[in-house]
C-alpha atoms as a PDB file:
ATOM      1  CA  MET A   1     -24.301-238.752-115.546  1.00  0.00           C
ATOM      2  CA  SER A   2     -27.194-240.613-117.027  1.00  0.00           C
ATOM      3  CA  GLY A   3     -30.352-238.988-118.259  1.00  0.00           C
ATOM      4  CA  SER A   4     -32.480-240.561-115.527  1.00  0.00           C
ATOM      5  CA  LYS A   5     -30.259-239.159-112.769  1.00  0.00           C
ATOM      6  CA  ILE A   6     -30.342-235.719-114.348  1.00  0.00           C
ATOM      7  CA  LYS A   7     -34.126-235.977-114.700  1.00  0.00           C
ATOM      8  CA  LYS A   8     -34.468-236.838-111.001  1.00  0.00           C
ATOM      9  CA  ALA A   9     -32.199-233.926-110.080  1.00  0.00           C
ATOM     10  CA  LEU A  10     -34.256-231.666-112.347  1.00  0.00           C
ATOM     11  CA  GLU A  11     -37.464-232.802-110.629  1.00  0.00           C
ATOM     12  CA  LEU A  12     -35.887-232.123-107.237  1.00  0.00           C
ATOM     13  CA  LYS A  13     -34.842-228.642-108.363  1.00  0.00           C
ATOM     14  CA  GLY A  14     -38.411-228.045-109.539  1.00  0.00           C
ATOM     15  CA  LEU A  15     -39.804-229.068-106.157  1.00  0.00           C
ATOM     16  CA  THR A  16     -37.296-226.856-104.360  1.00  0.00           C
ATOM     17  CA  LYS A  17     -38.265-223.952-106.605  1.00  0.00           C
ATOM     18  CA  ASP A  18     -41.965-224.561-105.910  1.00  0.00           C
ATOM     19  CA  GLN A  19     -41.355-224.619-102.154  1.00  0.00           C
ATOM     20  CA  LEU A  20     -39.379-221.378-102.375  1.00  0.00           C
ATOM     21  CA  GLU A  21     -42.173-219.750-104.395  1.00  0.00           C
ATOM     22  CA  ILE A  22     -44.671-220.677-101.676  1.00  0.00           C
ATOM     23  CA  SER A  23     -42.321-219.406 -98.983  1.00  0.00           C
ATOM     24  CA  PHE A  24     -41.751-216.187-100.945  1.00  0.00           C
ATOM     25  CA  GLN A  25     -45.489-215.558-101.335  1.00  0.00           C
ATOM     26  CA  LYS A  26     -46.047-216.208 -97.625  1.00  0.00           C
ATOM     27  CA  SER A  27     -43.213-213.889 -96.585  1.00  0.00           C
ATOM     28  CA  ARG A  28     -44.364-211.199 -98.980  1.00  0.00           C
ATOM     29  CA  GLY A  29     -47.880-211.459 -97.535  1.00  0.00           C
ATOM     30  CA  GLU A  30     -46.481-211.097 -94.018  1.00  0.00           C
ATOM     31  CA  LEU A  31     -44.468-208.067 -95.134  1.00  0.00           C
ATOM     32  CA  GLU A  32     -47.574-206.446 -96.604  1.00  0.00           C
ATOM     33  CA  MET A  33     -49.499-207.153 -93.393  1.00  0.00           C
ATOM     34  CA  GLU A  34     -46.761-205.629 -91.226  1.00  0.00           C
ATOM     35  CA  SER A  35     -46.524-202.621 -93.566  1.00  0.00           C
ATOM     36  CA  ALA A  36     -50.281-202.117 -93.220  1.00  0.00           C
ATOM     37  CA  LYS A  37     -49.912-202.190 -89.426  1.00  0.00           C
ATOM     38  CA  LEU A  38     -47.159-199.580 -89.683  1.00  0.00           C
ATOM     39  CA  ASP A  39     -49.301-197.373 -91.912  1.00  0.00           C
ATOM     40  CA  SER A  40     -52.183-197.685 -89.456  1.00  0.00           C
ATOM     41  CA  ALA A  41     -49.976-196.695 -86.517  1.00  0.00           C
ATOM     42  CA  VAL A  42     -48.618-193.704 -88.451  1.00  0.00           C
ATOM     43  CA  ARG A  43     -52.148-192.569 -89.352  1.00  0.00           C
ATOM     44  CA  SER A  44     -53.214-192.904 -85.696  1.00  0.00           C
ATOM     45  CA  PHE A  45     -50.237-190.812 -84.641  1.00  0.00           C
ATOM     46  CA  GLU A  46     -51.022-188.158 -87.253  1.00  0.00           C
ATOM     47  CA  ARG A  47     -54.723-188.025 -86.275  1.00  0.00           C
ATOM     48  CA  THR A  48     -53.895-187.779 -82.581  1.00  0.00           C
ATOM     49  CA  PHE A  49     -51.307-185.091 -83.242  1.00  0.00           C
ATOM     50  CA  ALA A  50     -53.834-183.167 -85.350  1.00  0.00           C
ATOM     51  CA  GLN A  51     -56.355-183.448 -82.490  1.00  0.00           C
ATOM     52  CA  PHE A  52     -53.721-182.163 -80.095  1.00  0.00           C
ATOM     53  CA  ASN A  53     -52.942-179.190 -82.351  1.00  0.00           C
ATOM     54  CA  LYS A  54     -56.649-178.444 -82.782  1.00  0.00           C
ATOM     55  CA  ARG A  55     -57.193-178.619 -79.031  1.00  0.00           C
ATOM     56  CA  HIS A  56     -54.123-176.450 -78.442  1.00  0.00           C
ATOM     57  CA  ASN A  57     -55.372-173.794 -80.884  1.00  0.00           C
ATOM     58  CA  GLU A  58     -58.741-173.671 -79.095  1.00  0.00           C
ATOM     59  CA  GLY A  59     -57.141-172.434 -75.922  1.00  0.00           C
ATOM     60  CA  PRO A  60     -55.205-173.571 -72.866  1.00  0.00           C
ATOM     61  CA  ILE A  61     -54.932-177.309 -72.315  1.00  0.00           C
ATOM     62  CA  HIS A  62     -55.474-178.841 -68.899  1.00  0.00           C
ATOM     63  CA  THR A  63     -52.412-180.706 -67.569  1.00  0.00           C
ATOM     64  CA  GLN A  64     -54.258-184.028 -67.401  1.00  0.00           C
ATOM     65  CA  GLU A  65     -55.264-183.661 -71.040  1.00  0.00           C
ATOM     66  CA  LEU A  66     -51.709-182.679 -71.963  1.00  0.00           C
ATOM     67  CA  ASP A  67     -50.395-185.700 -70.072  1.00  0.00           C
ATOM     68  CA  PHE A  68     -52.891-187.934 -71.915  1.00  0.00           C
ATOM     69  CA  PHE A  69     -51.751-186.631 -75.319  1.00  0.00           C
ATOM     70  CA  TYR A  70     -48.073-186.945 -74.373  1.00  0.00           C
ATOM     71  CA  THR A  71     -48.488-190.491 -73.067  1.00  0.00           C
ATOM     72  CA  TYR A  72     -50.532-191.649 -76.042  1.00  0.00           C
ATOM     73  CA  LEU A  73     -48.260-189.996 -78.619  1.00  0.00           C
ATOM     74  CA  SER A  74     -45.211-191.523 -76.901  1.00  0.00           C
ATOM     75  CA  TYR A  75     -46.902-194.919 -76.959  1.00  0.00           C
ATOM     76  CA  LEU A  76     -47.757-194.551 -80.662  1.00  0.00           C
ATOM     77  CA  ASN A  77     -44.216-193.409 -81.436  1.00  0.00           C
ATOM     78  CA  GLY A  78     -42.846-196.521 -79.707  1.00  0.00           C
ATOM     79  CA  GLN A  79     -45.275-198.701 -81.654  1.00  0.00           C
ATOM     80  CA  ILE A  80     -44.199-197.043 -84.904  1.00  0.00           C
ATOM     81  CA  GLU A  81     -40.501-197.606 -84.176  1.00  0.00           C
ATOM     82  CA  GLN A  82     -41.111-201.228 -83.222  1.00  0.00           C
ATOM     83  CA  GLN A  83     -43.217-201.760 -86.342  1.00  0.00           C
ATOM     84  CA  LYS A  84     -40.501-200.174 -88.512  1.00  0.00           C
ATOM     85  CA  GLN A  85     -38.045-202.745 -87.171  1.00  0.00           C
ATOM     86  CA  THR A  86     -40.516-205.556 -87.831  1.00  0.00           C
ATOM     87  CA  VAL A  87     -41.107-204.343 -91.392  1.00  0.00           C
ATOM     88  CA  SER A  88     -37.363-204.034 -91.923  1.00  0.00           C
ATOM     89  CA  SER A  89     -36.712-207.597 -90.726  1.00  0.00           C
ATOM     90  CA  ARG A  90     -39.567-208.923 -92.897  1.00  0.00           C
ATOM     91  CA  LEU A  91     -38.129-207.067 -95.876  1.00  0.00           C
ATOM     92  CA  VAL A  92     -34.716-208.655 -95.290  1.00  0.00           C
ATOM     93  CA  GLU A  93     -36.404-212.065 -95.079  1.00  0.00           C
ATOM     94  CA  VAL A  94     -38.304-211.483 -98.340  1.00  0.00           C
ATOM     95  CA  GLU A  95     -35.122-210.362-100.121  1.00  0.00           C
ATOM     96  CA  LYS A  96     -33.244-213.413 -98.821  1.00  0.00           C
ATOM     97  CA  ILE A  97     -35.939-215.794-100.066  1.00  0.00           C
ATOM     98  CA  GLN A  98     -36.109-213.924-103.366  1.00  0.00           C
ATOM     99  CA  LYS A  99     -32.361-214.444-103.886  1.00  0.00           C
ATOM    100  CA  LYS A 100     -32.753-218.152-103.119  1.00  0.00           C
ATOM    101  CA  LEU A 101     -35.651-218.309-105.560  1.00  0.00           C
ATOM    102  CA  VAL A 102     -33.618-216.663-108.319  1.00  0.00           C
ATOM    103  CA  ASN A 103     -30.805-219.151-107.701  1.00  0.00           C
ATOM    104  CA  ALA A 104     -33.298-222.032-107.791  1.00  0.00           C
ATOM    105  CA  TYR A 105     -34.581-220.815-111.168  1.00  0.00           C
ATOM    106  CA  LYS A 106     -31.011-220.584-112.462  1.00  0.00           C
ATOM    107  CA  GLU A 107     -30.109-224.054-111.187  1.00  0.00           C
ATOM    108  CA  GLU A 108     -33.249-225.547-112.678  1.00  0.00           C
ATOM    109  CA  LYS A 109     -32.472-223.906-116.024  1.00  0.00           C
ATOM    110  CA  VAL A 110     -28.911-225.291-115.959  1.00  0.00           C
ATOM    111  CA  PHE A 111     -30.227-228.795-115.279  1.00  0.00           C
ATOM    112  CA  GLU A 112     -32.818-228.417-118.053  1.00  0.00           C
ATOM    113  CA  ILE A 113     -30.084-227.452-120.510  1.00  0.00           C
ATOM    114  CA  PHE A 114     -27.878-230.311-119.322  1.00  0.00           C
ATOM    115  CA  TYR A 115     -30.780-232.773-119.558  1.00  0.00           C
ATOM    116  CA  ASP A 116     -31.625-231.569-123.076  1.00  0.00           C
ATOM    117  CA  LYS A 117     -27.989-232.024-124.121  1.00  0.00           C
ATOM    118  CA  ILE A 118     -27.950-235.556-122.734  1.00  0.00           C
ATOM    119  CA  LEU A 119     -31.200-236.404-124.528  1.00  0.00           C
ATOM    120  CA  HIS A 120     -29.838-234.919-127.739  1.00  0.00           C
ATOM    121  CA  GLU A 121     -26.612-236.920-127.353  1.00  0.00           C
ATOM    122  CA  GLU A 122     -28.540-240.142-126.655  1.00  0.00           C
ATOM    123  CA  LYS A 123     -30.733-239.494-129.686  1.00  0.00           C
ATOM    124  CA  ARG A 124     -27.652-238.857-131.816  1.00  0.00           C
ATOM    125  CA  GLU A 125     -26.037-242.083-130.582  1.00  0.00           C
ATOM    126  CA  THR A 126     -29.229-244.029-131.296  1.00  0.00           C
ATOM    127  CA  SER A 127     -29.365-242.537-134.782  1.00  0.00           C
ATOM    128  CA  LYS A 128     -25.717-243.519-135.337  1.00  0.00           C
ATOM    129  CA  VAL A 129     -26.398-247.110-134.301  1.00  0.00           C
ATOM    130  CA  GLU A 130     -29.509-247.266-136.476  1.00  0.00           C
ATOM    131  CA  GLN A 131     -27.567-245.834-139.411  1.00  0.00           C
ATOM    132  CA  LYS A 132     -24.772-248.391-138.918  1.00  0.00           C
ATOM    133  CA  GLU A 133     -27.331-251.201-138.875  1.00  0.00           C
ATOM    134  CA  ALA A 134     -29.020-249.839-141.993  1.00  0.00           C
ATOM    135  CA  ASP A 135     -25.639-249.506-143.733  1.00  0.00           C
ATOM    136  CA  PHE A 136     -24.679-253.049-142.698  1.00  0.00           C
ATOM    137  CA  GLN A 137     -27.957-254.441-144.024  1.00  0.00           C
ATOM    138  CA  TYR A 138     -27.542-252.507-147.269  1.00  0.00           C
ATOM    139  CA  ILE A 139     -23.967-253.757-147.725  1.00  0.00           C
ATOM    140  CA  SER A 140     -25.026-257.310-146.835  1.00  0.00           C
ATOM    141  CA  ARG A 141     -27.764-257.244-149.479  1.00  0.00           C
ATOM    142  CA  LYS A 142     -25.407-255.772-152.074  1.00  0.00           C
ATOM    143  CA  SER A 143     -22.771-258.408-151.420  1.00  0.00           C
ATOM    144  CA  ARG A 144     -25.343-261.238-151.778  1.00  0.00           C
ATOM    145  CA  GLN A 145     -26.470-260.038-155.169  1.00  0.00           C
END
């Protein structure tokens, strides 16, 4: 492969890596947002449950009030379970993108090494040719004298 082809491939790998970094940041932001929603739902559940316990310790609870607490706590519990699944799926997505990003870094590094070797080889070949020309000129001058 020529140096220019490797350079183009290296540039493409760099662009791919950049796109994956953007995607990773976006997914991580979404994960943090969903985790915050989960934390909020858990805190709401805990506050409501604490209110229920406080109300229960104050004395008998009317059935309508008990039904309200039960319905709301059931609703919050459902929201928490749904949010846990959402957070879990976002986490899987972030891990998947992170693996792709690590592979993109590795591939880019391999192409950088390969490109550097090609440049070094081309430089060595150029030096060889220049040295041969210099030797030829030196020998030509010596033979004329």
